[in-house]
């Protein structure tokens, strides 16, 4: 669980609600480490590099114009929560993968490969894992998305924060797909 503090302001008309709100705030804080023995720190920063945030999948052996597009996909959002323990931090990620069906797509779905990598404070990649998300298109709807849930663990000594670590999320591209993205961003 990632904890954050939030200021609570009470107006004159809300004075009767103040006591239950304060009790609820203390209840929430008790789960955030204020009263626990394991300290709570911020989560690592999440980065979606621009060159691997989208993908255009062309049909095999076809050309490279609009009529050859099987699907276009992208990482739409990443939500993160952390839970620090005695062996490190468990990082829960919700990765939203979206796709749009192209003219060359004859299937009702698209399988989109994506990766999650963990980098240390010096930006050295410690671990990388490739996943896939199968996005199913509904009839007459060209766009669809999935939310993929995963949990990664960063081993740390007790009491050490992972906030200077980084999590990189992107689409797993072939060299040709990466070159296509780079050429599009240079225009």
C-alpha atoms as a PDB file:
ATOM      1  CA  UNK A   1       0.000   0.000   0.000  1.00  0.00           C
ATOM      2  CA  UNK A   2       1.376   3.380  -0.951  1.00  0.00           C
ATOM      3  CA  UNK A   3       0.702   5.955   1.682  1.00  0.00           C
ATOM      4  CA  UNK A   4       0.304   9.635   1.206  1.00  0.00           C
ATOM      5  CA  UNK A   5      -0.749  12.412   3.475  1.00  0.00           C
ATOM      6  CA  UNK A   6      -3.640  14.660   2.636  1.00  0.00           C
ATOM      7  CA  UNK A   7      -4.696  17.811   4.417  1.00  0.00           C
ATOM      8  CA  UNK A   8      -8.272  17.828   5.659  1.00  0.00           C
ATOM      9  CA  UNK A   9      -9.970  21.194   5.904  1.00  0.00           C
ATOM     10  CA  UNK A  10     -13.203  21.645   7.807  1.00  0.00           C
ATOM     11  CA  UNK A  11     -15.670  24.456   7.241  1.00  0.00           C
ATOM     12  CA  UNK A  12     -18.133  25.758   9.832  1.00  0.00           C
ATOM     13  CA  UNK A  13     -20.942  23.576   8.530  1.00  0.00           C
ATOM     14  CA  UNK A  14     -18.797  20.442   8.758  1.00  0.00           C
ATOM     15  CA  UNK A  15     -17.875  20.616  12.461  1.00  0.00           C
ATOM     16  CA  UNK A  16     -20.194  17.746  13.360  1.00  0.00           C
ATOM     17  CA  UNK A  17     -18.493  15.607  10.750  1.00  0.00           C
ATOM     18  CA  UNK A  18     -15.008  16.462  12.006  1.00  0.00           C
ATOM     19  CA  UNK A  19     -14.812  13.816  14.732  1.00  0.00           C
ATOM     20  CA  UNK A  20     -15.747  10.863  12.472  1.00  0.00           C
ATOM     21  CA  UNK A  21     -13.440  12.207   9.751  1.00  0.00           C
ATOM     22  CA  UNK A  22     -10.528  12.500  12.189  1.00  0.00           C
ATOM     23  CA  UNK A  23     -11.183   8.962  13.457  1.00  0.00           C
ATOM     24  CA  UNK A  24     -11.213   7.691   9.872  1.00  0.00           C
ATOM     25  CA  UNK A  25      -7.961   9.527   9.141  1.00  0.00           C
ATOM     26  CA  UNK A  26      -6.253   7.906  12.130  1.00  0.00           C
ATOM     27  CA  UNK A  27      -7.584   4.519  11.014  1.00  0.00           C
ATOM     28  CA  UNK A  28      -6.111   5.064   7.542  1.00  0.00           C
ATOM     29  CA  UNK A  29      -2.807   6.246   8.978  1.00  0.00           C
ATOM     30  CA  UNK A  30      -2.519   3.173  11.140  1.00  0.00           C
ATOM     31  CA  UNK A  31      -2.361   1.100   7.966  1.00  0.00           C
ATOM     32  CA  UNK A  32       0.271   3.430   6.470  1.00  0.00           C
ATOM     33  CA  UNK A  33       3.000   2.735   8.921  1.00  0.00           C
ATOM     34  CA  UNK A  34       2.401   5.509  11.449  1.00  0.00           C
ATOM     35  CA  UNK A  35       1.757   2.888  14.103  1.00  0.00           C
ATOM     36  CA  UNK A  36       3.561  -0.052  12.506  1.00  0.00           C
ATOM     37  CA  UNK A  37       7.156  -1.170  12.890  1.00  0.00           C
ATOM     38  CA  UNK A  38       7.857  -1.279   9.146  1.00  0.00           C
ATOM     39  CA  UNK A  39       8.523   2.216   7.766  1.00  0.00           C
ATOM     40  CA  UNK A  40       6.602   3.302   4.680  1.00  0.00           C
ATOM     41  CA  UNK A  41       8.359   5.136   1.862  1.00  0.00           C
ATOM     42  CA  UNK A  42       7.397   6.402  -1.556  1.00  0.00           C
ATOM     43  CA  UNK A  43       7.115   4.077  -4.529  1.00  0.00           C
ATOM     44  CA  UNK A  44       9.728   4.042  -7.272  1.00  0.00           C
ATOM     45  CA  UNK A  45       9.057   6.417 -10.169  1.00  0.00           C
ATOM     46  CA  UNK A  46       7.385   4.902 -13.228  1.00  0.00           C
ATOM     47  CA  UNK A  47       8.601   5.853 -16.689  1.00  0.00           C
ATOM     48  CA  UNK A  48       7.084   5.057 -20.084  1.00  0.00           C
ATOM     49  CA  UNK A  49       9.785   5.996 -22.617  1.00  0.00           C
ATOM     50  CA  UNK A  50       8.253   7.690 -25.645  1.00  0.00           C
ATOM     51  CA  UNK A  51       9.959   5.436 -28.186  1.00  0.00           C
ATOM     52  CA  UNK A  52       8.416   2.278 -26.664  1.00  0.00           C
ATOM     53  CA  UNK A  53       5.053   3.722 -25.604  1.00  0.00           C
ATOM     54  CA  UNK A  54       3.333   2.865 -28.902  1.00  0.00           C
ATOM     55  CA  UNK A  55       3.497   0.170 -31.551  1.00  0.00           C
ATOM     56  CA  UNK A  56       2.270  -0.146 -35.116  1.00  0.00           C
ATOM     57  CA  UNK A  57       1.952  -3.794 -36.143  1.00  0.00           C
ATOM     58  CA  UNK A  58       1.992  -4.337 -39.914  1.00  0.00           C
ATOM     59  CA  UNK A  59       0.915  -7.514 -41.682  1.00  0.00           C
ATOM     60  CA  UNK A  60       3.662  -9.993 -42.524  1.00  0.00           C
ATOM     61  CA  UNK A  61       5.242  -9.456 -45.922  1.00  0.00           C
ATOM     62  CA  UNK A  62       3.022  -6.483 -46.622  1.00  0.00           C
ATOM     63  CA  UNK A  63       3.856  -2.887 -47.254  1.00  0.00           C
ATOM     64  CA  UNK A  64       4.051  -0.141 -44.706  1.00  0.00           C
ATOM     65  CA  UNK A  65       1.094   2.071 -45.506  1.00  0.00           C
ATOM     66  CA  UNK A  66      -2.194   2.552 -43.670  1.00  0.00           C
ATOM     67  CA  UNK A  67      -3.901  -0.405 -45.390  1.00  0.00           C
ATOM     68  CA  UNK A  68      -1.175  -2.753 -44.049  1.00  0.00           C
ATOM     69  CA  UNK A  69      -1.763  -1.930 -40.361  1.00  0.00           C
ATOM     70  CA  UNK A  70      -2.970  -4.910 -38.320  1.00  0.00           C
ATOM     71  CA  UNK A  71      -3.233  -2.857 -35.129  1.00  0.00           C
ATOM     72  CA  UNK A  72      -1.794   0.112 -33.316  1.00  0.00           C
ATOM     73  CA  UNK A  73      -1.230  -0.255 -29.589  1.00  0.00           C
ATOM     74  CA  UNK A  74      -0.004   1.754 -26.668  1.00  0.00           C
ATOM     75  CA  UNK A  75       0.567   1.862 -22.940  1.00  0.00           C
ATOM     76  CA  UNK A  76      -2.300   4.113 -21.842  1.00  0.00           C
ATOM     77  CA  UNK A  77      -1.635   4.288 -18.105  1.00  0.00           C
ATOM     78  CA  UNK A  78       0.315   2.712 -15.270  1.00  0.00           C
ATOM     79  CA  UNK A  79      -0.918   2.773 -11.685  1.00  0.00           C
ATOM     80  CA  UNK A  80       1.399   1.776  -8.865  1.00  0.00           C
ATOM     81  CA  UNK A  81       1.106   0.888  -5.191  1.00  0.00           C
ATOM     82  CA  UNK A  82       3.835  -0.280  -2.818  1.00  0.00           C
ATOM     83  CA  UNK A  83       3.977  -2.360   0.308  1.00  0.00           C
ATOM     84  CA  UNK A  84       7.241  -2.270   2.265  1.00  0.00           C
ATOM     85  CA  UNK A  85       8.176  -5.291   4.306  1.00  0.00           C
ATOM     86  CA  UNK A  86      11.191  -6.750   6.043  1.00  0.00           C
ATOM     87  CA  UNK A  87      12.624  -8.147   2.775  1.00  0.00           C
ATOM     88  CA  UNK A  88      12.046  -5.142   0.507  1.00  0.00           C
ATOM     89  CA  UNK A  89       9.137  -3.609  -1.330  1.00  0.00           C
ATOM     90  CA  UNK A  90       6.349  -5.346  -3.222  1.00  0.00           C
ATOM     91  CA  UNK A  91       5.240  -3.154  -6.102  1.00  0.00           C
ATOM     92  CA  UNK A  92       1.749  -3.715  -7.485  1.00  0.00           C
ATOM     93  CA  UNK A  93       1.308  -2.432 -11.033  1.00  0.00           C
ATOM     94  CA  UNK A  94      -1.816  -1.984 -13.123  1.00  0.00           C
ATOM     95  CA  UNK A  95      -0.733  -1.515 -16.732  1.00  0.00           C
ATOM     96  CA  UNK A  96      -3.438  -0.338 -19.135  1.00  0.00           C
ATOM     97  CA  UNK A  97      -2.752  -1.577 -22.678  1.00  0.00           C
ATOM     98  CA  UNK A  98      -4.931  -0.275 -25.491  1.00  0.00           C
ATOM     99  CA  UNK A  99      -5.173  -1.214 -29.157  1.00  0.00           C
ATOM    100  CA  UNK A 100      -6.943  -0.020 -32.267  1.00  0.00           C
ATOM    101  CA  UNK A 101      -7.793  -2.468 -35.021  1.00  0.00           C
ATOM    102  CA  UNK A 102      -6.239  -1.674 -38.394  1.00  0.00           C
ATOM    103  CA  UNK A 103      -7.571  -2.307 -41.904  1.00  0.00           C
ATOM    104  CA  UNK A 104      -5.406  -5.451 -42.265  1.00  0.00           C
ATOM    105  CA  UNK A 105      -6.758  -7.044 -39.069  1.00  0.00           C
ATOM    106  CA  UNK A 106      -9.017 -10.009 -39.750  1.00  0.00           C
ATOM    107  CA  UNK A 107      -8.947 -11.252 -36.135  1.00  0.00           C
ATOM    108  CA  UNK A 108     -11.138 -10.252 -33.220  1.00  0.00           C
ATOM    109  CA  UNK A 109      -8.133  -9.626 -30.995  1.00  0.00           C
ATOM    110  CA  UNK A 110      -4.567  -8.385 -30.837  1.00  0.00           C
ATOM    111  CA  UNK A 111      -1.813  -9.806 -28.653  1.00  0.00           C
ATOM    112  CA  UNK A 112       0.373  -6.924 -27.496  1.00  0.00           C
ATOM    113  CA  UNK A 113       3.763  -7.688 -25.906  1.00  0.00           C
ATOM    114  CA  UNK A 114       4.918  -5.314 -23.150  1.00  0.00           C
ATOM    115  CA  UNK A 115       7.694  -5.284 -20.593  1.00  0.00           C
ATOM    116  CA  UNK A 116       8.362  -4.135 -17.053  1.00  0.00           C
ATOM    117  CA  UNK A 117      11.952  -3.389 -16.059  1.00  0.00           C
ATOM    118  CA  UNK A 118      13.386  -2.343 -12.698  1.00  0.00           C
ATOM    119  CA  UNK A 119      16.331   0.028 -12.559  1.00  0.00           C
ATOM    120  CA  UNK A 120      18.491   0.867  -9.560  1.00  0.00           C
ATOM    121  CA  UNK A 121      19.334   4.443  -8.480  1.00  0.00           C
ATOM    122  CA  UNK A 122      22.176   4.574 -11.062  1.00  0.00           C
ATOM    123  CA  UNK A 123      19.642   3.562 -13.792  1.00  0.00           C
ATOM    124  CA  UNK A 124      21.190   0.121 -14.271  1.00  0.00           C
ATOM    125  CA  UNK A 125      18.511  -2.393 -15.252  1.00  0.00           C
ATOM    126  CA  UNK A 126      18.310  -5.046 -12.522  1.00  0.00           C
ATOM    127  CA  UNK A 127      15.495  -7.137 -13.986  1.00  0.00           C
ATOM    128  CA  UNK A 128      13.204  -7.151 -17.007  1.00  0.00           C
ATOM    129  CA  UNK A 129      10.216  -9.346 -17.716  1.00  0.00           C
ATOM    130  CA  UNK A 130       8.135  -9.532 -20.910  1.00  0.00           C
ATOM    131  CA  UNK A 131       4.370 -10.088 -20.721  1.00  0.00           C
ATOM    132  CA  UNK A 132       1.571 -10.080 -23.268  1.00  0.00           C
ATOM    133  CA  UNK A 133      -1.886  -8.593 -23.191  1.00  0.00           C
ATOM    134  CA  UNK A 134      -4.596  -9.940 -25.465  1.00  0.00           C
ATOM    135  CA  UNK A 135      -6.964  -7.125 -26.336  1.00  0.00           C
ATOM    136  CA  UNK A 136     -10.326  -8.333 -27.657  1.00  0.00           C
ATOM    137  CA  UNK A 137     -12.238  -6.109 -30.066  1.00  0.00           C
ATOM    138  CA  UNK A 138     -15.997  -6.020 -29.773  1.00  0.00           C
ATOM    139  CA  UNK A 139     -18.001  -6.053 -33.013  1.00  0.00           C
ATOM    140  CA  UNK A 140     -18.209  -2.588 -34.589  1.00  0.00           C
ATOM    141  CA  UNK A 141     -15.781  -1.102 -32.026  1.00  0.00           C
ATOM    142  CA  UNK A 142     -12.287  -0.431 -33.379  1.00  0.00           C
ATOM    143  CA  UNK A 143     -10.648   0.213 -29.981  1.00  0.00           C
ATOM    144  CA  UNK A 144     -10.259  -1.890 -26.861  1.00  0.00           C
ATOM    145  CA  UNK A 145      -8.066  -2.056 -23.786  1.00  0.00           C
ATOM    146  CA  UNK A 146      -7.040  -4.326 -20.931  1.00  0.00           C
ATOM    147  CA  UNK A 147      -5.754  -3.623 -17.466  1.00  0.00           C
ATOM    148  CA  UNK A 148      -3.010  -6.082 -16.621  1.00  0.00           C
ATOM    149  CA  UNK A 149      -2.154  -6.590 -12.941  1.00  0.00           C
ATOM    150  CA  UNK A 150       1.289  -7.702 -11.866  1.00  0.00           C
ATOM    151  CA  UNK A 151       3.466  -7.588  -8.785  1.00  0.00           C
ATOM    152  CA  UNK A 152       7.213  -7.077  -8.763  1.00  0.00           C
ATOM    153  CA  UNK A 153       9.491  -7.283  -5.726  1.00  0.00           C
ATOM    154  CA  UNK A 154      12.554  -5.133  -5.150  1.00  0.00           C
ATOM    155  CA  UNK A 155      14.714  -6.747  -2.467  1.00  0.00           C
ATOM    156  CA  UNK A 156      16.036  -4.139  -0.048  1.00  0.00           C
ATOM    157  CA  UNK A 157      17.498  -4.126   3.439  1.00  0.00           C
ATOM    158  CA  UNK A 158      14.910  -3.386   6.104  1.00  0.00           C
ATOM    159  CA  UNK A 159      14.330   0.343   6.492  1.00  0.00           C
ATOM    160  CA  UNK A 160      15.679   1.230   3.022  1.00  0.00           C
ATOM    161  CA  UNK A 161      13.508   3.146   0.524  1.00  0.00           C
ATOM    162  CA  UNK A 162      13.011   2.228  -3.141  1.00  0.00           C
ATOM    163  CA  UNK A 163      11.974   5.749  -4.131  1.00  0.00           C
ATOM    164  CA  UNK A 164      15.253   6.315  -6.028  1.00  0.00           C
ATOM    165  CA  UNK A 165      14.711   3.119  -8.039  1.00  0.00           C
ATOM    166  CA  UNK A 166      12.785   3.255 -11.288  1.00  0.00           C
ATOM    167  CA  UNK A 167      10.252   1.119 -13.068  1.00  0.00           C
ATOM    168  CA  UNK A 168      10.200   1.269 -16.848  1.00  0.00           C
ATOM    169  CA  UNK A 169       7.106   0.082 -18.710  1.00  0.00           C
ATOM    170  CA  UNK A 170       6.924  -0.138 -22.487  1.00  0.00           C
ATOM    171  CA  UNK A 171       5.913  -2.218 -25.451  1.00  0.00           C
ATOM    172  CA  UNK A 172       8.305  -4.977 -26.454  1.00  0.00           C
ATOM    173  CA  UNK A 173       9.201  -3.922 -29.990  1.00  0.00           C
ATOM    174  CA  UNK A 174      11.131  -5.669 -32.733  1.00  0.00           C
ATOM    175  CA  UNK A 175      14.137  -3.735 -34.109  1.00  0.00           C
ATOM    176  CA  UNK A 176      12.017  -2.750 -37.139  1.00  0.00           C
ATOM    177  CA  UNK A 177       9.154  -1.496 -34.951  1.00  0.00           C
ATOM    178  CA  UNK A 178      11.577   0.511 -32.818  1.00  0.00           C
ATOM    179  CA  UNK A 179      13.132   2.067 -35.943  1.00  0.00           C
ATOM    180  CA  UNK A 180       9.634   2.898 -37.248  1.00  0.00           C
ATOM    181  CA  UNK A 181       8.823   4.705 -33.961  1.00  0.00           C
ATOM    182  CA  UNK A 182      12.116   6.602 -34.000  1.00  0.00           C
ATOM    183  CA  UNK A 183      11.582   7.725 -37.610  1.00  0.00           C
ATOM    184  CA  UNK A 184       8.055   8.960 -36.782  1.00  0.00           C
ATOM    185  CA  UNK A 185       9.234  11.035 -33.816  1.00  0.00           C
ATOM    186  CA  UNK A 186      12.018  12.679 -35.867  1.00  0.00           C
ATOM    187  CA  UNK A 187       9.543  14.134 -38.389  1.00  0.00           C
END
